[in-house]
Amino acid sequence: MPAAIRTIVDPRFAAELTRRRLERGLSLRDLAHVAHYSKSFLHDLESGRARPTCAVARELDTALDAGGELAVMVVDPPSVTTPDDSDRLAYLAANPTRLDAAGVHLLATILATQRRLDDALPAPMMLPMCLPQWHAVRDLAAHVRGPHAGELHAVAAEWTQFVGWLYAETRNDSQAVRVLIEASREADAVNSGPLAAQAENFRGYIERQRGNARGIVRHFLAAYHTPGASPSQRVGDAVQAAHGYALLGDRPAAVRLLGEASDLTTAAESEPPPATAYWLTPTFSRMGLGLAYLALGDRGSAVDNLRTGLGALPEDQRGAEWTVEYRQALAAATA
């Protein structure tokens, strides 16, 4: 497995550091004097040739009176392995035929930690950490043999889907679509309805960011009708497909799907969401309902659903990048 990254740095850090310095009218020499770093080191930071530590980012933030905006762009990577775990991962990479249940569990734990971290960190900071591990897991899956190979292939399929989502969040749409198409193939190969449906759901998200109403309908309907999708997934997919129909001006189709989503709610609330879509709480789809009602012109229902959905999010998800469109929709509905 790849060596641990020393720090996770937002790719925008170098440009933001330069912007902040110039905004304050400081030369590199001036900033070096104030922050007590060498001019050459600061030049390397601004050119991207040097990687800042968390302490360096905090000190430069203070020196430039950036109000914490520079500091939050550099974080320590999460600790998800012990030294013994790291030895096990290195052993598995070198001996893929020796994969055991503990090795699969360790990889699944690392992936789960990364997915949770995505709720707190911007996707541009996540990708440099996740891509090397994704490639390593896929390489391991390509060579693994034995009774646990199927379990590893399922983990690798979910990792592919997660990387596709990160590309979607960064609005690298073409790369996101390419990876999510592969995620769909891998989900089918491991016979996972939840993973297959979620890959289509993420493609629907991309089309929503593009403002392509037909694409919204196409992919969310595909997710909704995917065999094996969980009830909680189907509720959310029906609601988001209804939003697409509302944007197209097809009110009857939108209302019909909202009714189908309502009929599925009891089943969705009676069982937990799949681990691959852990965020699908009973109130999560209220945000999608808010978008649909706003597109249908029902501002009152839009406000009620958006406020309820956003208010029910766990603390670690409230600042996630994917919440921005819902907060913007709430602002539009209350304007």
Protein backbone atom coordinates (compact mmCIF):
# COMPACT_ATOMS: atom_id res chain seq x y z
CA MET A 1 0.00 0.00 0.00
CA PRO A 2 1.19 3.62 -0.58
CA ALA A 3 2.98 5.44 2.21
CA ALA A 4 0.88 7.73 4.35
CA ILE A 5 0.54 11.31 3.19
CA ARG A 6 2.22 13.70 5.59
CA THR A 7 -0.58 16.24 5.49
CA ILE A 8 -3.72 16.68 3.42
CA VAL A 9 -3.46 19.97 1.57
CA ASP A 10 -6.22 21.66 -0.37
CA PRO A 11 -4.84 22.12 -3.91
CA ARG A 12 -6.04 25.74 -3.73
CA PHE A 13 -3.72 26.51 -0.80
CA ALA A 14 -0.80 27.86 -2.88
CA ALA A 15 -2.98 30.26 -4.88
CA GLU A 16 -4.84 31.37 -1.76
CA LEU A 17 -1.59 32.05 0.08
CA THR A 18 -0.38 34.21 -2.82
CA ARG A 19 -3.71 36.03 -3.02
CA ARG A 20 -3.74 36.78 0.68
CA ARG A 21 -0.16 38.05 0.63
CA LEU A 22 -0.72 40.34 -2.34
CA GLU A 23 -4.01 41.55 -0.89
CA ARG A 24 -2.09 42.81 2.13
CA GLY A 25 0.55 44.43 -0.07
CA LEU A 26 3.37 42.21 1.17
CA SER A 27 6.35 40.95 -0.77
CA LEU A 28 7.74 37.49 -0.10
CA ARG A 29 10.53 39.17 1.87
CA ASP A 30 7.98 41.09 3.95
CA LEU A 31 6.02 37.93 4.74
CA ALA A 32 9.22 36.07 5.57
CA HIS A 33 10.05 38.75 8.14
CA VAL A 34 6.56 38.67 9.69
CA ALA A 35 6.07 34.89 9.70
CA HIS A 36 9.70 33.97 10.47
CA TYR A 37 10.11 31.65 7.49
CA SER A 38 12.67 31.95 4.73
CA LYS A 39 11.78 33.71 1.52
CA SER A 40 12.73 30.60 -0.48
CA PHE A 41 10.45 28.38 1.62
CA LEU A 42 7.52 30.74 1.12
CA HIS A 43 8.25 30.83 -2.61
CA ASP A 44 8.17 27.02 -2.69
CA LEU A 45 4.84 27.03 -0.84
CA GLU A 46 3.31 29.48 -3.31
CA SER A 47 4.61 27.52 -6.29
CA GLY A 48 3.37 24.23 -4.86
CA ARG A 49 6.85 22.71 -4.59
CA ALA A 50 6.66 22.52 -0.78
CA ARG A 51 3.91 20.98 1.34
CA PRO A 52 2.89 22.97 4.43
CA THR A 53 2.42 21.36 7.81
CA CYS A 54 -0.62 22.24 9.90
CA ALA A 55 1.58 24.44 12.10
CA VAL A 56 2.93 26.34 9.09
CA ALA A 57 -0.60 26.90 7.74
CA ARG A 58 -1.77 28.22 11.12
CA GLU A 59 1.18 30.58 11.47
CA LEU A 60 0.77 31.96 7.95
CA ASP A 61 -2.94 32.34 8.61
CA THR A 62 -2.14 34.45 11.67
CA ALA A 63 0.53 36.46 9.85
CA LEU A 64 -1.88 37.30 7.03
CA ASP A 65 -4.92 37.76 9.30
CA ALA A 66 -6.79 35.20 7.19
CA GLY A 67 -9.38 34.40 9.85
CA GLY A 68 -8.69 30.65 9.77
CA GLU A 69 -9.31 30.26 6.05
CA LEU A 70 -5.71 29.27 5.31
CA ALA A 71 -5.42 27.06 8.37
CA VAL A 72 -8.39 24.86 7.44
CA MET A 73 -6.83 24.08 4.07
CA VAL A 74 -4.19 21.86 5.68
CA VAL A 75 -5.04 18.94 7.97
CA ASP A 76 -3.32 15.85 9.29
CA PRO A 77 -4.46 12.61 7.66
CA PRO A 78 -6.76 10.45 9.79
CA SER A 79 -5.12 7.60 11.65
CA VAL A 80 -6.94 4.49 10.47
CA THR A 81 -4.18 1.92 10.86
CA THR A 82 -1.85 0.77 13.59
CA PRO A 83 1.78 -0.20 12.83
CA ASP A 84 0.64 -3.84 12.80
CA ASP A 85 -2.12 -2.93 10.33
CA SER A 86 0.37 -1.17 8.06
CA ASP A 87 2.56 -4.28 8.11
CA ARG A 88 -0.47 -6.40 7.21
CA LEU A 89 -1.36 -4.13 4.28
CA ALA A 90 2.20 -4.25 2.97
CA TYR A 91 2.15 -8.03 3.29
CA LEU A 92 -1.14 -8.30 1.39
CA ALA A 93 0.14 -6.07 -1.38
CA ALA A 94 3.13 -8.35 -1.79
CA ASN A 95 1.18 -11.60 -1.26
CA PRO A 96 -2.34 -11.15 -2.68
CA THR A 97 -3.04 -14.88 -2.56
CA ARG A 98 -2.76 -14.74 1.24
CA LEU A 99 -5.74 -12.43 1.71
CA ASP A 100 -7.76 -13.26 4.82
CA ALA A 101 -10.95 -11.96 6.46
CA ALA A 102 -8.97 -9.61 8.73
CA GLY A 103 -7.28 -8.04 5.70
CA VAL A 104 -10.62 -7.42 3.95
CA HIS A 105 -12.04 -5.93 7.16
CA LEU A 106 -9.07 -3.59 7.48
CA LEU A 107 -9.49 -2.30 3.93
CA ALA A 108 -13.23 -1.82 4.47
CA THR A 109 -12.49 0.15 7.64
CA ILE A 110 -10.08 2.45 5.81
CA LEU A 111 -12.68 3.09 3.10
CA ALA A 112 -15.42 3.77 5.67
CA THR A 113 -13.16 6.27 7.42
CA GLN A 114 -12.48 8.07 4.15
CA ARG A 115 -16.17 8.25 3.32
CA ARG A 116 -16.93 9.82 6.69
CA LEU A 117 -14.03 12.22 6.26
CA ASP A 118 -15.59 13.41 3.01
CA ASP A 119 -18.38 14.94 5.11
CA ALA A 120 -15.85 17.23 6.77
CA LEU A 121 -13.16 17.94 4.16
CA PRO A 122 -13.45 19.39 0.64
CA ALA A 123 -13.19 16.84 -2.16
CA PRO A 124 -10.04 18.49 -3.63
CA MET A 125 -8.30 17.61 -0.36
CA MET A 126 -9.66 14.07 -0.33
CA LEU A 127 -8.68 12.98 -3.84
CA PRO A 128 -4.86 13.07 -3.40
CA MET A 129 -5.24 10.82 -0.35
CA CYS A 130 -7.81 8.44 -1.84
CA LEU A 131 -6.51 7.88 -5.37
CA PRO A 132 -3.30 5.97 -4.47
CA GLN A 133 -5.20 3.71 -2.09
CA TRP A 134 -7.93 3.09 -4.67
CA HIS A 135 -5.35 2.07 -7.27
CA ALA A 136 -3.62 -0.19 -4.75
CA VAL A 137 -6.88 -1.92 -3.76
CA ARG A 138 -7.89 -2.43 -7.38
CA ASP A 139 -4.47 -3.91 -8.14
CA LEU A 140 -4.82 -6.23 -5.14
CA ALA A 141 -8.32 -7.26 -6.27
CA ALA A 142 -7.00 -8.07 -9.75
CA HIS A 143 -4.52 -10.59 -8.33
CA VAL A 144 -6.25 -11.95 -5.25
CA ARG A 145 -7.34 -15.58 -5.05
CA GLY A 146 -9.06 -17.65 -2.42
CA PRO A 147 -12.27 -17.65 -0.37
CA HIS A 148 -12.16 -13.94 0.47
CA ALA A 149 -11.69 -12.64 -3.08
CA GLY A 150 -15.40 -11.89 -3.48
CA GLU A 151 -15.46 -9.78 -0.33
CA LEU A 152 -12.46 -7.79 -1.54
CA HIS A 153 -14.04 -7.22 -4.95
CA ALA A 154 -17.08 -5.72 -3.19
CA VAL A 155 -14.84 -3.35 -1.22
CA ALA A 156 -13.00 -2.39 -4.41
CA ALA A 157 -16.31 -1.74 -6.18
CA GLU A 158 -17.42 0.61 -3.41
CA TRP A 159 -14.03 2.36 -3.50
CA THR A 160 -14.46 2.97 -7.24
CA GLN A 161 -17.88 4.46 -6.61
CA PHE A 162 -16.49 6.72 -3.87
CA VAL A 163 -13.74 8.02 -6.15
CA GLY A 164 -16.36 8.75 -8.81
CA TRP A 165 -18.31 10.74 -6.22
CA LEU A 166 -15.21 12.73 -5.25
CA TYR A 167 -14.65 13.63 -8.91
CA ALA A 168 -18.31 14.66 -9.12
CA GLU A 169 -17.91 16.91 -6.08
CA THR A 170 -14.89 18.62 -7.65
CA ARG A 171 -16.94 19.10 -10.85
CA ASN A 172 -14.52 17.07 -12.92
CA ASP A 173 -17.62 15.74 -14.62
CA SER A 174 -16.00 13.79 -17.46
CA GLN A 175 -13.71 11.89 -15.11
CA ALA A 176 -16.57 11.35 -12.66
CA VAL A 177 -18.77 9.81 -15.36
CA ARG A 178 -15.93 7.58 -16.56
CA VAL A 179 -15.26 6.25 -13.05
CA LEU A 180 -18.96 5.85 -12.21
CA ILE A 181 -19.55 3.82 -15.38
CA GLU A 182 -16.78 1.52 -14.17
CA ALA A 183 -18.38 1.52 -10.71
CA SER A 184 -21.64 0.30 -12.27
CA ARG A 185 -19.84 -2.57 -14.01
CA GLU A 186 -18.06 -3.53 -10.80
CA ALA A 187 -21.32 -3.36 -8.82
CA ASP A 188 -22.96 -5.74 -11.28
CA ALA A 189 -19.94 -8.05 -11.12
CA VAL A 190 -20.35 -8.40 -7.34
CA ASN A 191 -24.17 -8.57 -7.67
CA SER A 192 -24.80 -5.52 -5.47
CA GLY A 193 -28.08 -3.72 -6.12
CA PRO A 194 -27.32 -0.95 -3.59
CA LEU A 195 -23.95 -0.18 -5.20
CA ALA A 196 -25.42 -0.25 -8.72
CA ALA A 197 -28.26 2.06 -7.72
CA GLN A 198 -25.90 4.45 -5.94
CA ALA A 199 -23.67 4.77 -9.01
CA GLU A 200 -26.70 5.89 -11.04
CA ASN A 201 -27.71 8.23 -8.20
CA PHE A 202 -24.32 9.93 -8.32
CA ARG A 203 -24.64 10.37 -12.07
CA GLY A 204 -28.01 12.00 -11.44
CA TYR A 205 -26.27 14.38 -9.04
CA ILE A 206 -23.82 15.33 -11.80
CA GLU A 207 -26.68 16.11 -14.18
CA ARG A 208 -28.35 18.24 -11.50
CA GLN A 209 -25.18 20.29 -11.13
CA ARG A 210 -25.13 20.68 -14.92
CA GLY A 211 -28.76 21.83 -14.91
CA ASN A 212 -29.74 19.01 -17.28
CA ALA A 213 -33.31 18.10 -16.31
CA ARG A 214 -33.56 15.14 -18.68
CA GLY A 215 -30.31 13.76 -17.31
CA ILE A 216 -31.69 14.14 -13.80
CA VAL A 217 -34.77 12.10 -14.71
CA ARG A 218 -32.81 9.51 -16.69
CA HIS A 219 -30.29 8.59 -14.00
CA PHE A 220 -32.49 8.90 -10.93
CA LEU A 221 -35.17 6.77 -12.59
CA ALA A 222 -32.49 4.22 -13.46
CA ALA A 223 -31.44 4.19 -9.80
CA TYR A 224 -35.08 3.95 -8.67
CA HIS A 225 -35.70 0.90 -10.85
CA THR A 226 -32.40 -0.88 -10.14
CA PRO A 227 -33.13 -4.41 -8.86
CA GLY A 228 -31.88 -4.84 -5.32
CA ALA A 229 -31.87 -1.14 -4.40
CA SER A 230 -32.89 -0.59 -0.79
CA PRO A 231 -36.21 1.10 0.08
CA SER A 232 -34.38 4.15 1.49
CA GLN A 233 -32.45 4.50 -1.77
CA ARG A 234 -35.62 4.16 -3.83
CA VAL A 235 -37.40 6.88 -1.83
CA GLY A 236 -34.59 9.34 -2.46
CA ASP A 237 -34.27 8.41 -6.12
CA ALA A 238 -38.01 8.79 -6.75
CA VAL A 239 -38.00 12.21 -5.11
CA GLN A 240 -35.01 13.38 -7.14
CA ALA A 241 -36.46 12.05 -10.39
CA ALA A 242 -39.65 13.97 -9.51
CA HIS A 243 -37.52 17.11 -9.22
CA GLY A 244 -36.27 16.51 -12.76
CA TYR A 245 -39.80 16.11 -14.09
CA ALA A 246 -40.83 19.30 -12.30
CA LEU A 247 -37.98 21.16 -13.98
CA LEU A 248 -39.22 19.82 -17.34
CA GLY A 249 -42.71 21.14 -16.58
CA ASP A 250 -44.22 17.64 -16.38
CA ARG A 251 -46.23 18.16 -13.20
CA PRO A 252 -48.28 14.92 -13.42
CA ALA A 253 -45.15 12.77 -13.63
CA ALA A 254 -43.54 14.67 -10.75
CA VAL A 255 -46.62 14.29 -8.54
CA ARG A 256 -46.92 10.59 -9.41
CA LEU A 257 -43.34 9.91 -8.34
CA LEU A 258 -43.75 11.90 -5.14
CA GLY A 259 -46.74 9.69 -4.35
CA GLU A 260 -44.70 6.55 -5.01
CA ALA A 261 -41.95 7.87 -2.73
CA SER A 262 -44.52 8.48 -0.01
CA ASP A 263 -45.83 4.91 -0.38
CA LEU A 264 -42.28 3.56 0.11
CA THR A 265 -41.60 5.62 3.24
CA THR A 266 -42.88 3.04 5.73
CA ALA A 267 -40.71 0.30 4.25
CA ALA A 268 -37.72 2.65 4.17
CA GLU A 269 -38.15 3.55 7.84
CA SER A 270 -38.48 -0.09 8.89
CA GLU A 271 -34.96 -1.11 7.89
CA PRO A 272 -31.57 0.62 8.10
CA PRO A 273 -30.00 1.97 4.91
CA PRO A 274 -27.22 -0.07 3.30
CA ALA A 275 -23.75 0.61 4.70
CA THR A 276 -22.74 1.91 1.27
CA ALA A 277 -25.34 4.71 1.67
CA TYR A 278 -25.08 5.31 5.42
CA TRP A 279 -26.32 8.92 5.13
CA LEU A 280 -29.88 7.92 4.13
CA THR A 281 -31.66 8.66 7.40
CA PRO A 282 -35.50 8.84 7.45
CA THR A 283 -35.32 12.64 7.08
CA PHE A 284 -32.57 12.81 4.44
CA SER A 285 -34.98 12.73 1.49
CA ARG A 286 -36.73 15.83 2.86
CA MET A 287 -34.02 17.93 1.19
CA GLY A 288 -34.76 16.33 -2.17
CA LEU A 289 -38.46 16.90 -1.55
CA GLY A 290 -37.66 20.55 -0.95
CA LEU A 291 -36.00 20.83 -4.37
CA ALA A 292 -38.97 19.12 -6.03
CA TYR A 293 -41.57 21.33 -4.35
CA LEU A 294 -39.56 24.44 -5.16
CA ALA A 295 -39.49 23.44 -8.84
CA LEU A 296 -43.27 22.83 -8.65
CA GLY A 297 -43.78 26.35 -7.29
CA ASP A 298 -44.89 25.28 -3.79
CA ARG A 299 -42.57 27.47 -1.73
CA GLY A 300 -44.21 26.67 1.60
CA SER A 301 -43.67 22.92 1.25
CA ALA A 302 -40.18 23.56 -0.12
CA VAL A 303 -39.18 25.61 2.92
CA ASP A 304 -40.64 23.10 5.37
CA ASN A 305 -38.86 20.13 3.80
CA LEU A 306 -35.53 21.87 3.27
CA ARG A 307 -35.44 23.19 6.83
CA THR A 308 -36.36 19.80 8.27
CA GLY A 309 -33.83 17.91 6.17
CA LEU A 310 -30.96 20.31 6.80
CA GLY A 311 -31.80 20.61 10.48
CA ALA A 312 -31.76 16.84 10.97
CA LEU A 313 -28.30 16.32 9.49
CA PRO A 314 -25.67 15.00 11.90
CA GLU A 315 -23.23 17.66 13.08
CA ASP A 316 -20.37 16.29 10.96
CA GLN A 317 -22.44 16.57 7.76
CA ARG A 318 -23.85 20.06 8.14
CA GLY A 319 -20.86 21.79 6.54
CA ALA A 320 -20.37 19.20 3.78
CA GLU A 321 -19.96 20.54 0.25
CA TRP A 322 -22.99 18.63 -1.02
CA THR A 323 -25.27 20.60 1.35
CA VAL A 324 -24.58 23.88 -0.45
CA GLU A 325 -27.25 23.39 -3.14
CA TYR A 326 -29.88 22.66 -0.49
CA ARG A 327 -28.94 25.74 1.55
CA GLN A 328 -29.05 27.83 -1.62
CA ALA A 329 -32.46 26.37 -2.46
CA LEU A 330 -33.73 27.27 1.02
CA ALA A 331 -32.48 30.83 0.58
CA ALA A 332 -34.27 31.02 -2.79
CA ALA A 333 -37.48 29.62 -1.33
CA THR A 334 -37.52 32.16 1.50
CA ALA A 335 -36.49 35.17 -0.64
